[in-house]
Amino acid sequence: MEDLIRIFKSPEGDVYHITITEEGRVLSPEVLKSLGNIHVVGIELRRLSGNNTTGHEVLAALEDTIAKVFLQNDDVILCYYCDFINPIPKTKKNKMPPQEYRSRLFDLMFQRYAKLHGIHDVRLSVVEINGIEETYFFHVIYREMHSVFATMIGSDLKEGFSK
C-alpha cells in the first residue's frame, strides 16, 4: 500500500495533517511476521496550526479519508494511537485527558460512519494501556475475518508499551 498524506483546512483556518502509512514501528517482528499478507496501517493525525475546536466538516473529511483507505484494501488492519501531547481546546464539558477525549471521539466517529454507510463486518477494538501518569489508547480497526490478528496486535501493543 502506498502512503497517503493529506492536509485539511477548517473554515476557521486551522490546518490538520493526516498520514496513513504501513506501520512497522510499534509491533514486534514476531507479530508482523505472523500476520502474513495482512498489513497493519498506522494513522497519524496532527494539527499543524490553529487552536479552534475541530468542526464537523473536518471530522467528516478525516472519517472519509480513513474509511476509503480501509475499504479499498481488503488486507489492511488500521491502528490509531491517540495523541496525548497536544492539548484540546477546553470547554465546560471537556474535563478528561486529551488521549481519552480523542479515543472517545474516534470511537464515536467510527460508529457513526459504520451506521451511516451500512458497514456491519468491521470492528473497532480499543486497547488501553495504563502508563505511569496516564492511560494510552490505541484503536485497531479490522474486518471480522481478521479478528484473530486484531487480538494478536492488541496483545502485542499491551506487552510492548507496558514495559
C-alpha atoms as a PDB file:
ATOM      1  CA  MET A   1       0.000   0.000   0.000  1.00  0.00           C
ATOM      2  CA  GLU A   2       1.237   3.472  -0.828  1.00  0.00           C
ATOM      3  CA  ASP A   3       1.476   6.059   1.922  1.00  0.00           C
ATOM      4  CA  LEU A   4      -1.282   8.651   1.951  1.00  0.00           C
ATOM      5  CA  ILE A   5      -0.725  12.193   3.158  1.00  0.00           C
ATOM      6  CA  ARG A   6      -3.488  14.805   3.219  1.00  0.00           C
ATOM      7  CA  ILE A   7      -3.813  18.337   4.542  1.00  0.00           C
ATOM      8  CA  PHE A   8      -7.198  19.657   5.690  1.00  0.00           C
ATOM      9  CA  LYS A   9      -8.038  23.263   6.443  1.00  0.00           C
ATOM     10  CA  SER A  10     -11.026  24.177   8.572  1.00  0.00           C
ATOM     11  CA  PRO A  11     -13.291  27.147   7.770  1.00  0.00           C
ATOM     12  CA  GLU A  12     -11.716  28.866  10.809  1.00  0.00           C
ATOM     13  CA  GLY A  13      -8.213  28.468   9.326  1.00  0.00           C
ATOM     14  CA  ASP A  14      -6.895  25.558  11.415  1.00  0.00           C
ATOM     15  CA  VAL A  15      -4.690  23.151   9.463  1.00  0.00           C
ATOM     16  CA  TYR A  16      -4.640  19.382  10.014  1.00  0.00           C
ATOM     17  CA  HIS A  17      -2.231  16.792   8.641  1.00  0.00           C
ATOM     18  CA  ILE A  18      -3.077  13.098   8.302  1.00  0.00           C
ATOM     19  CA  THR A  19      -0.630  10.388   7.313  1.00  0.00           C
ATOM     20  CA  ILE A  20      -1.729   6.823   6.657  1.00  0.00           C
ATOM     21  CA  THR A  21       1.245   4.526   6.254  1.00  0.00           C
ATOM     22  CA  GLU A  22       2.235   0.909   6.735  1.00  0.00           C
ATOM     23  CA  GLU A  23       3.072   0.519  10.418  1.00  0.00           C
ATOM     24  CA  GLY A  24       6.136  -1.376  11.463  1.00  0.00           C
ATOM     25  CA  ARG A  25       7.404   0.660  14.388  1.00  0.00           C
ATOM     26  CA  VAL A  26       5.154  -0.357  17.245  1.00  0.00           C
ATOM     27  CA  LEU A  27       4.647  -4.053  16.616  1.00  0.00           C
ATOM     28  CA  SER A  28       7.119  -6.812  17.356  1.00  0.00           C
ATOM     29  CA  PRO A  29       8.823  -8.537  14.409  1.00  0.00           C
ATOM     30  CA  GLU A  30       7.199 -11.825  15.504  1.00  0.00           C
ATOM     31  CA  VAL A  31       3.681 -10.416  15.210  1.00  0.00           C
ATOM     32  CA  LEU A  32       4.432  -8.683  11.910  1.00  0.00           C
ATOM     33  CA  LYS A  33       5.715 -11.982  10.509  1.00  0.00           C
ATOM     34  CA  SER A  34       2.716 -13.960  11.759  1.00  0.00           C
ATOM     35  CA  LEU A  35       0.305 -11.578  10.011  1.00  0.00           C
ATOM     36  CA  GLY A  36       1.300 -12.982   6.623  1.00  0.00           C
ATOM     37  CA  ASN A  37      -0.304 -10.890   3.880  1.00  0.00           C
ATOM     38  CA  ILE A  38      -2.198  -8.666   6.323  1.00  0.00           C
ATOM     39  CA  HIS A  39      -0.783  -5.139   6.529  1.00  0.00           C
ATOM     40  CA  VAL A  40      -1.049  -3.009   9.647  1.00  0.00           C
ATOM     41  CA  VAL A  41      -1.539   0.594   8.627  1.00  0.00           C
ATOM     42  CA  GLY A  42      -0.937   3.421  11.080  1.00  0.00           C
ATOM     43  CA  ILE A  43      -2.913   6.644  11.185  1.00  0.00           C
ATOM     44  CA  GLU A  44      -1.110   9.764  12.346  1.00  0.00           C
ATOM     45  CA  LEU A  45      -3.163  12.894  12.812  1.00  0.00           C
ATOM     46  CA  ARG A  46      -1.681  16.245  13.796  1.00  0.00           C
ATOM     47  CA  ARG A  47      -2.889  19.808  13.983  1.00  0.00           C
ATOM     48  CA  LEU A  48      -0.322  21.972  12.209  1.00  0.00           C
ATOM     49  CA  SER A  49      -1.808  25.311  13.154  1.00  0.00           C
ATOM     50  CA  GLY A  50      -4.739  26.885  14.940  1.00  0.00           C
ATOM     51  CA  ASN A  51      -6.434  26.180  18.239  1.00  0.00           C
ATOM     52  CA  ASN A  52     -10.136  26.248  17.438  1.00  0.00           C
ATOM     53  CA  THR A  53     -12.488  23.384  18.193  1.00  0.00           C
ATOM     54  CA  THR A  54     -12.392  20.897  15.332  1.00  0.00           C
ATOM     55  CA  GLY A  55     -15.649  21.212  13.420  1.00  0.00           C
ATOM     56  CA  HIS A  56     -17.860  18.619  11.784  1.00  0.00           C
ATOM     57  CA  GLU A  57     -16.569  19.389   8.268  1.00  0.00           C
ATOM     58  CA  VAL A  58     -13.001  18.456   9.165  1.00  0.00           C
ATOM     59  CA  LEU A  59     -14.032  15.407  11.196  1.00  0.00           C
ATOM     60  CA  ALA A  60     -16.174  14.146   8.293  1.00  0.00           C
ATOM     61  CA  ALA A  61     -13.294  14.646   5.832  1.00  0.00           C
ATOM     62  CA  LEU A  62     -10.947  12.732   8.145  1.00  0.00           C
ATOM     63  CA  GLU A  63     -13.505   9.919   8.558  1.00  0.00           C
ATOM     64  CA  ASP A  64     -13.941   9.661   4.816  1.00  0.00           C
ATOM     65  CA  THR A  65     -10.192   9.607   4.132  1.00  0.00           C
ATOM     66  CA  ILE A  66      -9.548   6.842   6.678  1.00  0.00           C
ATOM     67  CA  ALA A  67     -12.572   4.792   5.580  1.00  0.00           C
ATOM     68  CA  LYS A  68     -11.633   4.928   1.889  1.00  0.00           C
ATOM     69  CA  VAL A  69      -8.148   3.587   2.591  1.00  0.00           C
ATOM     70  CA  PHE A  70      -9.562   0.784   4.695  1.00  0.00           C
ATOM     71  CA  LEU A  71     -12.423  -0.152   2.369  1.00  0.00           C
ATOM     72  CA  GLN A  72     -10.202  -0.160  -0.730  1.00  0.00           C
ATOM     73  CA  ASN A  73      -7.681  -2.555   0.844  1.00  0.00           C
ATOM     74  CA  ASP A  74      -9.059  -5.924   1.954  1.00  0.00           C
ATOM     75  CA  ASP A  75      -5.744  -6.966   3.539  1.00  0.00           C
ATOM     76  CA  VAL A  76      -5.427  -3.983   5.900  1.00  0.00           C
ATOM     77  CA  ILE A  77      -5.872  -3.524   9.631  1.00  0.00           C
ATOM     78  CA  LEU A  78      -5.800   0.090  10.816  1.00  0.00           C
ATOM     79  CA  CYS A  79      -4.085   1.164  14.014  1.00  0.00           C
ATOM     80  CA  TYR A  80      -4.533   4.634  15.532  1.00  0.00           C
ATOM     81  CA  TYR A  81      -2.654   5.874  18.593  1.00  0.00           C
ATOM     82  CA  CYS A  82      -4.401   8.763  20.335  1.00  0.00           C
ATOM     83  CA  ASP A  83      -2.150  11.767  20.830  1.00  0.00           C
ATOM     84  CA  PHE A  84      -1.703  12.866  24.438  1.00  0.00           C
ATOM     85  CA  ILE A  85       0.816  15.666  23.991  1.00  0.00           C
ATOM     86  CA  ASN A  86      -1.190  18.276  22.114  1.00  0.00           C
ATOM     87  CA  PRO A  87      -3.884  19.950  24.181  1.00  0.00           C
ATOM     88  CA  ILE A  88      -7.551  20.022  23.255  1.00  0.00           C
ATOM     89  CA  PRO A  89      -9.388  23.331  23.451  1.00  0.00           C
ATOM     90  CA  LYS A  90     -11.103  23.378  26.836  1.00  0.00           C
ATOM     91  CA  THR A  91     -14.838  23.556  27.169  1.00  0.00           C
ATOM     92  CA  LYS A  92     -17.076  23.190  30.178  1.00  0.00           C
ATOM     93  CA  LYS A  93     -17.844  19.638  29.032  1.00  0.00           C
ATOM     94  CA  ASN A  94     -14.231  18.604  28.442  1.00  0.00           C
ATOM     95  CA  LYS A  95     -12.673  17.616  31.754  1.00  0.00           C
ATOM     96  CA  MET A  96     -10.955  14.420  30.596  1.00  0.00           C
ATOM     97  CA  PRO A  97      -7.339  13.936  29.499  1.00  0.00           C
ATOM     98  CA  PRO A  98      -6.612  14.577  25.787  1.00  0.00           C
ATOM     99  CA  GLN A  99      -5.973  10.896  24.990  1.00  0.00           C
ATOM    100  CA  GLU A 100      -9.246   9.738  26.481  1.00  0.00           C
ATOM    101  CA  TYR A 101     -11.132  12.567  24.743  1.00  0.00           C
ATOM    102  CA  ARG A 102      -9.566  11.653  21.377  1.00  0.00           C
ATOM    103  CA  SER A 103     -10.247   7.970  21.989  1.00  0.00           C
ATOM    104  CA  ARG A 104     -13.924   8.574  22.656  1.00  0.00           C
ATOM    105  CA  LEU A 105     -14.209  10.919  19.688  1.00  0.00           C
ATOM    106  CA  PHE A 106     -12.512   8.426  17.341  1.00  0.00           C
ATOM    107  CA  ASP A 107     -14.812   5.648  18.582  1.00  0.00           C
ATOM    108  CA  LEU A 108     -17.914   7.796  18.031  1.00  0.00           C
ATOM    109  CA  MET A 109     -16.698   8.772  14.553  1.00  0.00           C
ATOM    110  CA  PHE A 110     -16.194   5.102  13.680  1.00  0.00           C
ATOM    111  CA  GLN A 111     -19.636   4.095  14.978  1.00  0.00           C
ATOM    112  CA  ARG A 112     -21.298   6.986  13.132  1.00  0.00           C
ATOM    113  CA  TYR A 113     -19.558   6.225   9.843  1.00  0.00           C
ATOM    114  CA  ALA A 114     -20.341   2.496  10.041  1.00  0.00           C
ATOM    115  CA  LYS A 115     -24.008   3.205  10.769  1.00  0.00           C
ATOM    116  CA  LEU A 116     -24.415   5.823   8.015  1.00  0.00           C
ATOM    117  CA  HIS A 117     -22.760   3.577   5.416  1.00  0.00           C
ATOM    118  CA  GLY A 118     -24.322   0.274   6.480  1.00  0.00           C
ATOM    119  CA  ILE A 119     -20.996  -1.339   7.365  1.00  0.00           C
ATOM    120  CA  HIS A 120     -21.561  -4.421   9.519  1.00  0.00           C
ATOM    121  CA  ASP A 121     -18.485  -6.650   9.244  1.00  0.00           C
ATOM    122  CA  VAL A 122     -15.913  -4.118  10.504  1.00  0.00           C
ATOM    123  CA  ARG A 123     -14.974  -3.800  14.162  1.00  0.00           C
ATOM    124  CA  LEU A 124     -13.072  -1.366  16.317  1.00  0.00           C
ATOM    125  CA  SER A 125     -11.120  -2.573  19.322  1.00  0.00           C
ATOM    126  CA  VAL A 126      -9.754  -0.113  21.874  1.00  0.00           C
ATOM    127  CA  VAL A 127      -6.528  -1.156  23.567  1.00  0.00           C
ATOM    128  CA  GLU A 128      -5.993   0.696  26.854  1.00  0.00           C
ATOM    129  CA  ILE A 129      -2.566   0.657  28.440  1.00  0.00           C
ATOM    130  CA  ASN A 130      -2.111   2.047  31.926  1.00  0.00           C
ATOM    131  CA  GLY A 131       1.007   4.181  31.915  1.00  0.00           C
ATOM    132  CA  ILE A 132       2.741   5.775  34.866  1.00  0.00           C
ATOM    133  CA  GLU A 133       0.798   9.031  34.742  1.00  0.00           C
ATOM    134  CA  GLU A 134      -1.877   8.433  32.126  1.00  0.00           C
ATOM    135  CA  THR A 135      -3.722   5.823  30.124  1.00  0.00           C
ATOM    136  CA  TYR A 136      -2.718   5.287  26.499  1.00  0.00           C
ATOM    137  CA  PHE A 137      -5.335   4.424  23.887  1.00  0.00           C
ATOM    138  CA  PHE A 138      -4.791   2.501  20.641  1.00  0.00           C
ATOM    139  CA  HIS A 139      -7.615   1.781  18.219  1.00  0.00           C
ATOM    140  CA  VAL A 140      -7.482  -1.272  15.979  1.00  0.00           C
ATOM    141  CA  ILE A 141      -9.965  -1.351  13.075  1.00  0.00           C
ATOM    142  CA  TYR A 142     -10.378  -4.687  11.359  1.00  0.00           C
ATOM    143  CA  ARG A 143     -12.726  -6.898   9.406  1.00  0.00           C
ATOM    144  CA  GLU A 144     -14.400  -9.694  11.387  1.00  0.00           C
ATOM    145  CA  MET A 145     -12.414 -12.274   9.399  1.00  0.00           C
ATOM    146  CA  HIS A 146      -9.209 -10.714  10.804  1.00  0.00           C
ATOM    147  CA  SER A 147     -10.292 -10.790  14.462  1.00  0.00           C
ATOM    148  CA  VAL A 148      -7.536 -13.264  15.427  1.00  0.00           C
ATOM    149  CA  PHE A 149      -4.927 -10.869  14.012  1.00  0.00           C
ATOM    150  CA  ALA A 150      -6.528  -7.893  15.764  1.00  0.00           C
ATOM    151  CA  THR A 151      -6.320  -9.766  19.066  1.00  0.00           C
ATOM    152  CA  MET A 152      -2.628 -10.528  18.416  1.00  0.00           C
ATOM    153  CA  ILE A 153      -1.980  -6.852  17.617  1.00  0.00           C
ATOM    154  CA  GLY A 154      -3.772  -5.718  20.789  1.00  0.00           C
ATOM    155  CA  SER A 155      -1.788  -8.155  22.941  1.00  0.00           C
ATOM    156  CA  ASP A 156       1.467  -7.098  21.304  1.00  0.00           C
ATOM    157  CA  LEU A 157       0.712  -3.410  21.879  1.00  0.00           C
ATOM    158  CA  LYS A 158      -0.067  -4.074  25.550  1.00  0.00           C
ATOM    159  CA  GLU A 159       3.092  -6.112  26.018  1.00  0.00           C
ATOM    160  CA  GLY A 160       5.311  -3.633  24.184  1.00  0.00           C
ATOM    161  CA  PHE A 161       4.001  -0.476  25.855  1.00  0.00           C
ATOM    162  CA  SER A 162       3.620  -1.925  29.336  1.00  0.00           C
ATOM    163  CA  LYS A 163       7.380  -2.359  29.684  1.00  0.00           C
END
